[in-house]
Amino acid sequence: MTPLAVEGLRVELDGAVVVDGLALEVEQGEWLGLIGPNGAGKTTVLRAVGGLVPYAGSIRLFGDEIAGLGRREVARRVALVPQAPVIPPDMTVLEYVVIGRTPHLGYTGAPEARDVDVCRSALARLDVAQLADRRLGSLSGGERQRAVLARAMAQDARLIVLDEPTTALDVGAQQQVLELVADLRKSKSLTVLSAMHDLTVAGQYPDRLVLIDRGQEAVSGLPGEVLTEETIARHYGASVRVVSDGDSIAVVPLRPHVEREERVGS
């Protein structure tokens, strides 16, 4: 069963059409990346998939229309990791991760021993079990992002939705977080939908890309088909050089006037 199928998605916010007629399909175990210029509608698409904004059209999670599911059931099926998650500085890492079990808690709403075990297992899988009793405010950016991913894992959803998962991380922490997502995808058979700002990262991790511009699909396909110099210039207004070695893609920004001077002098 297809984890996510979106057809004719339209979202209006404050009277403005932010997403208009978008269609997406993400297969089991696939990683689909959404790219596009700032304000293109990527985050709004993710929020619609997570059931957080009203929409027109169709969003089906594992065959069921999201509009017909309760919030708890949506949260059992999809774990949304926002771009800027709320991180209560005085909360311990374990307390924070336990929040991810909320959709599975019983009538009392209190976590049981099994819920805590699931959370500790998620922390161990992300190699941060030693941080369980640390306050969130004392963690580095990379450690906090691992805690956020652990909370999503504890939610035990089969679809993980990531909004700019490496924002504000240095290059080492970015790579660690993305490799963790890639490993979890394989080991737990997760399906991943992510919005990505860094085009080089987008060229290395997702199986497919959809470039959104002004709320609509502009280009879609394999990373090598979407990340071309012409496409990036058209939709981002950027001068870049795309370098590929067959296994990965790098998108290198260029200073346009320097590029012209080099061509004149060559």
C-alpha atoms as a PDB file:
ATOM      1  CA  MET A   1       0.000   0.000   0.000  1.00  0.00           C
ATOM      2  CA  THR A   2       1.331   3.420  -0.975  1.00  0.00           C
ATOM      3  CA  PRO A   3       2.339   5.349   2.183  1.00  0.00           C
ATOM      4  CA  LEU A   4       1.512   8.766   0.743  1.00  0.00           C
ATOM      5  CA  ALA A   5      -0.572   9.826  -2.247  1.00  0.00           C
ATOM      6  CA  VAL A   6      -1.383  13.507  -2.794  1.00  0.00           C
ATOM      7  CA  GLU A   7      -3.670  14.703  -5.579  1.00  0.00           C
ATOM      8  CA  GLY A   8      -4.791  18.222  -6.442  1.00  0.00           C
ATOM      9  CA  LEU A   9      -3.531  19.642  -3.149  1.00  0.00           C
ATOM     10  CA  ARG A  10      -4.534  23.262  -2.580  1.00  0.00           C
ATOM     11  CA  VAL A  11      -3.781  25.221   0.585  1.00  0.00           C
ATOM     12  CA  GLU A  12      -4.772  28.800   1.330  1.00  0.00           C
ATOM     13  CA  LEU A  13      -3.247  30.698   4.246  1.00  0.00           C
ATOM     14  CA  ASP A  14      -4.508  34.143   5.225  1.00  0.00           C
ATOM     15  CA  GLY A  15      -6.326  34.415   1.907  1.00  0.00           C
ATOM     16  CA  ALA A  16      -3.261  33.605  -0.207  1.00  0.00           C
ATOM     17  CA  VAL A  17      -2.922  30.411  -2.253  1.00  0.00           C
ATOM     18  CA  VAL A  18       0.317  28.813  -1.040  1.00  0.00           C
ATOM     19  CA  VAL A  19      -0.011  25.393  -2.694  1.00  0.00           C
ATOM     20  CA  ASP A  20      -2.049  24.929  -5.851  1.00  0.00           C
ATOM     21  CA  GLY A  21      -2.848  21.629  -7.582  1.00  0.00           C
ATOM     22  CA  LEU A  22       0.139  19.654  -6.302  1.00  0.00           C
ATOM     23  CA  ALA A  23       0.357  15.890  -6.820  1.00  0.00           C
ATOM     24  CA  LEU A  24       2.865  13.607  -5.066  1.00  0.00           C
ATOM     25  CA  GLU A  25       3.278   9.894  -4.510  1.00  0.00           C
ATOM     26  CA  VAL A  26       5.826   8.289  -2.218  1.00  0.00           C
ATOM     27  CA  GLU A  27       6.333   4.540  -2.397  1.00  0.00           C
ATOM     28  CA  GLN A  28       7.136   2.234   0.499  1.00  0.00           C
ATOM     29  CA  GLY A  29      10.745   2.682   1.611  1.00  0.00           C
ATOM     30  CA  GLU A  30      11.351   5.612  -0.745  1.00  0.00           C
ATOM     31  CA  TRP A  31      12.955   8.940   0.165  1.00  0.00           C
ATOM     32  CA  LEU A  32      11.353  11.830  -1.708  1.00  0.00           C
ATOM     33  CA  GLY A  33      12.927  15.266  -1.390  1.00  0.00           C
ATOM     34  CA  LEU A  34      11.081  18.548  -1.917  1.00  0.00           C
ATOM     35  CA  ILE A  35      13.217  21.442  -3.091  1.00  0.00           C
ATOM     36  CA  GLY A  36      12.466  24.936  -4.341  1.00  0.00           C
ATOM     37  CA  PRO A  37      13.122  28.603  -3.599  1.00  0.00           C
ATOM     38  CA  ASN A  38      12.119  30.236  -0.320  1.00  0.00           C
ATOM     39  CA  GLY A  39       8.368  30.696  -0.082  1.00  0.00           C
ATOM     40  CA  ALA A  40       7.659  28.024  -2.692  1.00  0.00           C
ATOM     41  CA  GLY A  41       5.289  26.122  -0.381  1.00  0.00           C
ATOM     42  CA  LYS A  42       7.463  23.201   0.738  1.00  0.00           C
ATOM     43  CA  THR A  43       6.803  23.552   4.460  1.00  0.00           C
ATOM     44  CA  THR A  44       3.088  24.037   3.851  1.00  0.00           C
ATOM     45  CA  VAL A  45       2.971  20.745   1.921  1.00  0.00           C
ATOM     46  CA  LEU A  46       4.611  18.957   4.852  1.00  0.00           C
ATOM     47  CA  ARG A  47       2.242  20.547   7.348  1.00  0.00           C
ATOM     48  CA  ALA A  48      -0.733  19.461   5.246  1.00  0.00           C
ATOM     49  CA  VAL A  49       0.595  15.894   5.167  1.00  0.00           C
ATOM     50  CA  GLY A  50       0.937  16.054   8.951  1.00  0.00           C
ATOM     51  CA  GLY A  51      -2.674  17.175   9.306  1.00  0.00           C
ATOM     52  CA  LEU A  52      -1.760  20.619  10.643  1.00  0.00           C
ATOM     53  CA  VAL A  53      -3.386  22.895   8.055  1.00  0.00           C
ATOM     54  CA  PRO A  54      -6.745  22.739   6.238  1.00  0.00           C
ATOM     55  CA  TYR A  55      -6.567  21.793   2.578  1.00  0.00           C
ATOM     56  CA  ALA A  56      -8.562  21.006  -0.541  1.00  0.00           C
ATOM     57  CA  GLY A  57      -7.831  18.014  -2.727  1.00  0.00           C
ATOM     58  CA  SER A  58      -6.751  14.604  -1.497  1.00  0.00           C
ATOM     59  CA  ILE A  59      -4.056  13.384   0.895  1.00  0.00           C
ATOM     60  CA  ARG A  60      -4.098   9.632   1.529  1.00  0.00           C
ATOM     61  CA  LEU A  61      -1.933   8.016   4.192  1.00  0.00           C
ATOM     62  CA  PHE A  62      -1.590   4.286   3.596  1.00  0.00           C
ATOM     63  CA  GLY A  63      -4.805   4.326   1.596  1.00  0.00           C
ATOM     64  CA  ASP A  64      -6.957   6.436   3.934  1.00  0.00           C
ATOM     65  CA  GLU A  65      -7.911  10.062   3.385  1.00  0.00           C
ATOM     66  CA  ILE A  66      -6.266  12.118   6.099  1.00  0.00           C
ATOM     67  CA  ALA A  67      -9.367  14.283   6.524  1.00  0.00           C
ATOM     68  CA  GLY A  68     -11.240  11.207   7.767  1.00  0.00           C
ATOM     69  CA  LEU A  69      -8.650  10.277  10.363  1.00  0.00           C
ATOM     70  CA  GLY A  70      -8.426  11.620  13.890  1.00  0.00           C
ATOM     71  CA  ARG A  71      -5.321  13.493  15.036  1.00  0.00           C
ATOM     72  CA  ARG A  72      -4.127  10.532  17.075  1.00  0.00           C
ATOM     73  CA  GLU A  73      -4.418   8.144  14.138  1.00  0.00           C
ATOM     74  CA  VAL A  74      -2.581  10.580  11.839  1.00  0.00           C
ATOM     75  CA  ALA A  75       0.213  10.783  14.421  1.00  0.00           C
ATOM     76  CA  ARG A  76       0.444   6.995  14.509  1.00  0.00           C
ATOM     77  CA  ARG A  77       1.056   6.959  10.762  1.00  0.00           C
ATOM     78  CA  VAL A  78       3.239  10.021  10.162  1.00  0.00           C
ATOM     79  CA  ALA A  79       5.905  11.640  12.347  1.00  0.00           C
ATOM     80  CA  LEU A  80       6.550  15.274  11.438  1.00  0.00           C
ATOM     81  CA  VAL A  81       9.897  16.803  12.410  1.00  0.00           C
ATOM     82  CA  PRO A  82       9.488  20.579  11.998  1.00  0.00           C
ATOM     83  CA  GLN A  83      12.209  22.954  10.896  1.00  0.00           C
ATOM     84  CA  ALA A  84      12.315  24.669  14.288  1.00  0.00           C
ATOM     85  CA  PRO A  85      10.953  22.237  16.892  1.00  0.00           C
ATOM     86  CA  VAL A  86      10.095  23.549  20.329  1.00  0.00           C
ATOM     87  CA  ILE A  87      12.929  22.476  22.628  1.00  0.00           C
ATOM     88  CA  PRO A  88      12.052  23.079  26.326  1.00  0.00           C
ATOM     89  CA  PRO A  89      15.519  23.730  27.781  1.00  0.00           C
ATOM     90  CA  ASP A  90      14.772  22.333  31.260  1.00  0.00           C
ATOM     91  CA  MET A  91      13.236  19.081  30.029  1.00  0.00           C
ATOM     92  CA  THR A  92      15.444  15.988  29.992  1.00  0.00           C
ATOM     93  CA  VAL A  93      16.095  14.182  26.748  1.00  0.00           C
ATOM     94  CA  LEU A  94      14.156  11.121  27.896  1.00  0.00           C
ATOM     95  CA  GLU A  95      11.165  13.222  28.976  1.00  0.00           C
ATOM     96  CA  TYR A  96      11.184  14.911  25.584  1.00  0.00           C
ATOM     97  CA  VAL A  97      11.370  11.636  23.652  1.00  0.00           C
ATOM     98  CA  VAL A  98       8.532  10.154  25.704  1.00  0.00           C
ATOM     99  CA  ILE A  99       6.258  12.859  24.243  1.00  0.00           C
ATOM    100  CA  GLY A 100       6.580  10.950  20.966  1.00  0.00           C
ATOM    101  CA  ARG A 101       4.596   8.110  22.540  1.00  0.00           C
ATOM    102  CA  THR A 102       1.520  10.323  23.044  1.00  0.00           C
ATOM    103  CA  PRO A 103      -0.485   8.810  20.123  1.00  0.00           C
ATOM    104  CA  HIS A 104      -0.082   5.351  21.686  1.00  0.00           C
ATOM    105  CA  LEU A 105      -0.906   6.155  25.319  1.00  0.00           C
ATOM    106  CA  GLY A 106      -3.975   4.713  26.983  1.00  0.00           C
ATOM    107  CA  TYR A 107      -6.945   6.405  28.604  1.00  0.00           C
ATOM    108  CA  THR A 108      -4.920   7.839  31.495  1.00  0.00           C
ATOM    109  CA  GLY A 109      -2.412   9.437  29.129  1.00  0.00           C
ATOM    110  CA  ALA A 110       0.461   8.256  31.325  1.00  0.00           C
ATOM    111  CA  PRO A 111       3.390   6.418  29.742  1.00  0.00           C
ATOM    112  CA  GLU A 112       3.886   2.823  30.819  1.00  0.00           C
ATOM    113  CA  ALA A 113       7.118   0.886  31.204  1.00  0.00           C
ATOM    114  CA  ARG A 114       6.870  -0.305  27.600  1.00  0.00           C
ATOM    115  CA  ASP A 115       6.660   3.278  26.345  1.00  0.00           C
ATOM    116  CA  VAL A 116       9.791   4.243  28.266  1.00  0.00           C
ATOM    117  CA  ASP A 117      11.565   1.160  26.896  1.00  0.00           C
ATOM    118  CA  VAL A 118      10.654   2.183  23.336  1.00  0.00           C
ATOM    119  CA  CYS A 119      12.103   5.643  23.977  1.00  0.00           C
ATOM    120  CA  ARG A 120      15.322   4.301  25.478  1.00  0.00           C
ATOM    121  CA  SER A 121      15.657   1.971  22.500  1.00  0.00           C
ATOM    122  CA  ALA A 122      15.254   4.931  20.118  1.00  0.00           C
ATOM    123  CA  LEU A 123      17.974   6.851  21.964  1.00  0.00           C
ATOM    124  CA  ALA A 124      20.274   3.831  21.857  1.00  0.00           C
ATOM    125  CA  ARG A 125      19.696   3.368  18.129  1.00  0.00           C
ATOM    126  CA  LEU A 126      20.728   6.989  17.591  1.00  0.00           C
ATOM    127  CA  ASP A 127      23.768   6.512  19.833  1.00  0.00           C
ATOM    128  CA  VAL A 128      22.640   9.051  22.431  1.00  0.00           C
ATOM    129  CA  ALA A 129      21.451   6.767  25.235  1.00  0.00           C
ATOM    130  CA  GLN A 130      24.000   8.439  27.499  1.00  0.00           C
ATOM    131  CA  LEU A 131      22.142  11.730  27.105  1.00  0.00           C
ATOM    132  CA  ALA A 132      18.829  10.466  28.517  1.00  0.00           C
ATOM    133  CA  ASP A 133      19.118  12.449  31.769  1.00  0.00           C
ATOM    134  CA  ARG A 134      20.705  15.561  30.252  1.00  0.00           C
ATOM    135  CA  ARG A 135      18.707  18.777  29.976  1.00  0.00           C
ATOM    136  CA  LEU A 136      17.885  19.744  26.405  1.00  0.00           C
ATOM    137  CA  GLY A 137      19.311  23.199  26.954  1.00  0.00           C
ATOM    138  CA  SER A 138      22.754  21.732  27.607  1.00  0.00           C
ATOM    139  CA  LEU A 139      23.014  19.879  24.289  1.00  0.00           C
ATOM    140  CA  SER A 140      24.829  20.829  21.112  1.00  0.00           C
ATOM    141  CA  GLY A 141      22.876  21.375  17.907  1.00  0.00           C
ATOM    142  CA  GLY A 142      23.694  17.915  16.616  1.00  0.00           C
ATOM    143  CA  GLU A 143      22.731  16.291  19.911  1.00  0.00           C
ATOM    144  CA  ARG A 144      19.420  18.153  19.984  1.00  0.00           C
ATOM    145  CA  GLN A 145      18.649  17.025  16.448  1.00  0.00           C
ATOM    146  CA  ARG A 146      19.300  13.424  17.454  1.00  0.00           C
ATOM    147  CA  ALA A 147      16.877  13.892  20.347  1.00  0.00           C
ATOM    148  CA  VAL A 148      14.266  15.240  17.911  1.00  0.00           C
ATOM    149  CA  LEU A 149      14.765  12.226  15.645  1.00  0.00           C
ATOM    150  CA  ALA A 150      14.522   9.893  18.634  1.00  0.00           C
ATOM    151  CA  ARG A 151      11.187  11.457  19.536  1.00  0.00           C
ATOM    152  CA  ALA A 152       9.992  10.853  15.948  1.00  0.00           C
ATOM    153  CA  MET A 153      11.206   7.254  16.121  1.00  0.00           C
ATOM    154  CA  ALA A 154       9.408   6.716  19.428  1.00  0.00           C
ATOM    155  CA  GLN A 155       6.223   7.780  17.662  1.00  0.00           C
ATOM    156  CA  ASP A 156       6.569   4.497  15.763  1.00  0.00           C
ATOM    157  CA  ALA A 157       5.189   5.951  12.529  1.00  0.00           C
ATOM    158  CA  ARG A 158       5.995   4.377   9.178  1.00  0.00           C
ATOM    159  CA  LEU A 159       6.264   7.717   7.360  1.00  0.00           C
ATOM    160  CA  ILE A 160       8.809  10.286   8.555  1.00  0.00           C
ATOM    161  CA  VAL A 161       8.366  13.877   7.353  1.00  0.00           C
ATOM    162  CA  LEU A 162      11.379  16.144   7.812  1.00  0.00           C
ATOM    163  CA  ASP A 163      11.349  19.897   7.299  1.00  0.00           C
ATOM    164  CA  GLU A 164      14.926  21.100   6.702  1.00  0.00           C
ATOM    165  CA  PRO A 165      16.396  18.518   9.122  1.00  0.00           C
ATOM    166  CA  THR A 166      19.905  20.008   9.093  1.00  0.00           C
ATOM    167  CA  THR A 167      19.074  23.703   9.553  1.00  0.00           C
ATOM    168  CA  ALA A 168      21.719  25.526  11.659  1.00  0.00           C
ATOM    169  CA  LEU A 169      23.972  22.461  11.899  1.00  0.00           C
ATOM    170  CA  ASP A 170      27.627  22.485  10.894  1.00  0.00           C
ATOM    171  CA  VAL A 171      28.712  20.259   8.038  1.00  0.00           C
ATOM    172  CA  GLY A 172      29.799  17.408  10.311  1.00  0.00           C
ATOM    173  CA  ALA A 173      26.536  17.375  12.274  1.00  0.00           C
ATOM    174  CA  GLN A 174      24.566  17.655   9.017  1.00  0.00           C
ATOM    175  CA  GLN A 175      26.227  14.565   7.646  1.00  0.00           C
ATOM    176  CA  GLN A 176      25.712  12.637  10.880  1.00  0.00           C
ATOM    177  CA  VAL A 177      22.006  13.437  11.015  1.00  0.00           C
ATOM    178  CA  LEU A 178      21.397  12.591   7.359  1.00  0.00           C
ATOM    179  CA  GLU A 179      23.299   9.324   7.635  1.00  0.00           C
ATOM    180  CA  LEU A 180      21.173   8.459  10.664  1.00  0.00           C
ATOM    181  CA  VAL A 181      18.016   9.073   8.655  1.00  0.00           C
ATOM    182  CA  ALA A 182      19.390   6.956   5.806  1.00  0.00           C
ATOM    183  CA  ASP A 183      20.295   4.129   8.197  1.00  0.00           C
ATOM    184  CA  LEU A 184      16.901   4.245   9.935  1.00  0.00           C
ATOM    185  CA  ARG A 185      15.169   4.156   6.590  1.00  0.00           C
ATOM    186  CA  LYS A 186      16.918   0.892   5.746  1.00  0.00           C
ATOM    187  CA  SER A 187      16.861  -0.791   9.156  1.00  0.00           C
ATOM    188  CA  LYS A 188      13.230   0.089   9.988  1.00  0.00           C
ATOM    189  CA  SER A 189      11.811   0.148   6.430  1.00  0.00           C
ATOM    190  CA  LEU A 190      10.730   3.759   6.855  1.00  0.00           C
ATOM    191  CA  THR A 191       9.406   6.016   4.118  1.00  0.00           C
ATOM    192  CA  VAL A 192      10.848   9.530   4.142  1.00  0.00           C
ATOM    193  CA  LEU A 193       9.510  12.836   2.806  1.00  0.00           C
ATOM    194  CA  SER A 194      11.748  15.836   3.373  1.00  0.00           C
ATOM    195  CA  ALA A 195      12.022  19.491   2.429  1.00  0.00           C
ATOM    196  CA  MET A 196      15.643  20.358   1.717  1.00  0.00           C
ATOM    197  CA  HIS A 197      17.418  23.678   1.376  1.00  0.00           C
ATOM    198  CA  ASP A 198      20.919  22.440   0.537  1.00  0.00           C
ATOM    199  CA  LEU A 199      20.875  21.277  -3.083  1.00  0.00           C
ATOM    200  CA  THR A 200      24.057  19.235  -2.747  1.00  0.00           C
ATOM    201  CA  VAL A 201      22.471  17.299   0.131  1.00  0.00           C
ATOM    202  CA  ALA A 202      19.317  16.938  -1.962  1.00  0.00           C
ATOM    203  CA  GLY A 203      21.433  15.411  -4.713  1.00  0.00           C
ATOM    204  CA  GLN A 204      22.976  12.809  -2.421  1.00  0.00           C
ATOM    205  CA  TYR A 205      20.245  11.344  -0.181  1.00  0.00           C
ATOM    206  CA  PRO A 206      16.708  11.264  -1.684  1.00  0.00           C
ATOM    207  CA  ASP A 207      15.789   8.770  -4.399  1.00  0.00           C
ATOM    208  CA  ARG A 208      13.685  11.356  -6.224  1.00  0.00           C
ATOM    209  CA  LEU A 209      13.190  15.098  -6.117  1.00  0.00           C
ATOM    210  CA  VAL A 210      10.221  17.366  -6.730  1.00  0.00           C
ATOM    211  CA  LEU A 211      11.031  21.026  -7.318  1.00  0.00           C
ATOM    212  CA  ILE A 212       8.170  23.253  -6.165  1.00  0.00           C
ATOM    213  CA  ASP A 213       7.879  26.841  -7.303  1.00  0.00           C
ATOM    214  CA  ARG A 214       4.973  29.138  -6.413  1.00  0.00           C
ATOM    215  CA  GLY A 215       3.071  26.247  -4.901  1.00  0.00           C
ATOM    216  CA  GLN A 216       3.184  24.039  -7.974  1.00  0.00           C
ATOM    217  CA  GLU A 217       5.382  21.239  -9.243  1.00  0.00           C
ATOM    218  CA  ALA A 218       7.946  22.644 -11.650  1.00  0.00           C
ATOM    219  CA  VAL A 219      10.218  19.645 -12.242  1.00  0.00           C
ATOM    220  CA  SER A 220      10.397  16.119 -10.848  1.00  0.00           C
ATOM    221  CA  GLY A 221      12.569  13.075 -11.374  1.00  0.00           C
ATOM    222  CA  LEU A 222      15.861  11.582 -10.328  1.00  0.00           C
ATOM    223  CA  PRO A 223      18.280  14.021  -8.648  1.00  0.00           C
ATOM    224  CA  GLY A 224      20.456  14.161 -11.759  1.00  0.00           C
ATOM    225  CA  GLU A 225      17.437  15.034 -13.884  1.00  0.00           C
ATOM    226  CA  VAL A 226      16.213  17.824 -11.599  1.00  0.00           C
ATOM    227  CA  LEU A 227      19.477  19.381 -10.448  1.00  0.00           C
ATOM    228  CA  THR A 228      20.692  20.947 -13.652  1.00  0.00           C
ATOM    229  CA  GLU A 229      22.351  24.333 -14.024  1.00  0.00           C
ATOM    230  CA  GLU A 230      19.545  25.534 -16.273  1.00  0.00           C
ATOM    231  CA  THR A 231      16.767  24.450 -13.905  1.00  0.00           C
ATOM    232  CA  ILE A 232      18.446  25.998 -10.868  1.00  0.00           C
ATOM    233  CA  ALA A 233      19.030  29.254 -12.723  1.00  0.00           C
ATOM    234  CA  ARG A 234      15.395  29.368 -13.838  1.00  0.00           C
ATOM    235  CA  HIS A 235      13.766  28.676 -10.472  1.00  0.00           C
ATOM    236  CA  TYR A 236      16.312  29.964  -7.964  1.00  0.00           C
ATOM    237  CA  GLY A 237      17.814  32.796  -9.999  1.00  0.00           C
ATOM    238  CA  ALA A 238      21.229  31.410  -9.083  1.00  0.00           C
ATOM    239  CA  SER A 239      24.393  30.834 -11.060  1.00  0.00           C
ATOM    240  CA  VAL A 240      25.805  27.403 -10.169  1.00  0.00           C
ATOM    241  CA  ARG A 241      27.946  24.607 -11.462  1.00  0.00           C
ATOM    242  CA  VAL A 242      26.612  21.064 -11.062  1.00  0.00           C
ATOM    243  CA  VAL A 243      29.318  18.434 -10.623  1.00  0.00           C
ATOM    244  CA  SER A 244      28.562  14.706 -10.705  1.00  0.00           C
ATOM    245  CA  ASP A 245      30.840  11.695 -10.403  1.00  0.00           C
ATOM    246  CA  GLY A 246      28.077   9.210 -11.140  1.00  0.00           C
ATOM    247  CA  ASP A 247      27.395   8.419  -7.475  1.00  0.00           C
ATOM    248  CA  SER A 248      26.725  11.854  -6.023  1.00  0.00           C
ATOM    249  CA  ILE A 249      25.959  15.389  -7.124  1.00  0.00           C
ATOM    250  CA  ALA A 250      27.412  18.666  -5.879  1.00  0.00           C
ATOM    251  CA  VAL A 251      25.843  22.046  -6.590  1.00  0.00           C
ATOM    252  CA  VAL A 252      28.495  24.762  -6.389  1.00  0.00           C
ATOM    253  CA  PRO A 253      27.417  28.445  -6.311  1.00  0.00           C
ATOM    254  CA  LEU A 254      29.323  30.744  -8.655  1.00  0.00           C
ATOM    255  CA  ARG A 255      29.837  34.479  -8.595  1.00  0.00           C
ATOM    256  CA  PRO A 256      28.304  35.478 -11.940  1.00  0.00           C
ATOM    257  CA  HIS A 257      30.659  38.371 -12.658  1.00  0.00           C
ATOM    258  CA  VAL A 258      33.710  36.214 -11.846  1.00  0.00           C
ATOM    259  CA  GLU A 259      32.432  33.530 -14.199  1.00  0.00           C
ATOM    260  CA  ARG A 260      32.074  36.106 -17.004  1.00  0.00           C
ATOM    261  CA  GLU A 261      35.562  37.466 -16.403  1.00  0.00           C
ATOM    262  CA  GLU A 262      37.026  33.963 -16.557  1.00  0.00           C
ATOM    263  CA  ARG A 263      35.304  33.287 -19.867  1.00  0.00           C
ATOM    264  CA  VAL A 264      36.518  36.570 -21.325  1.00  0.00           C
ATOM    265  CA  GLY A 265      40.083  35.861 -20.227  1.00  0.00           C
ATOM    266  CA  SER A 266      40.094  32.279 -21.463  1.00  0.00           C
END
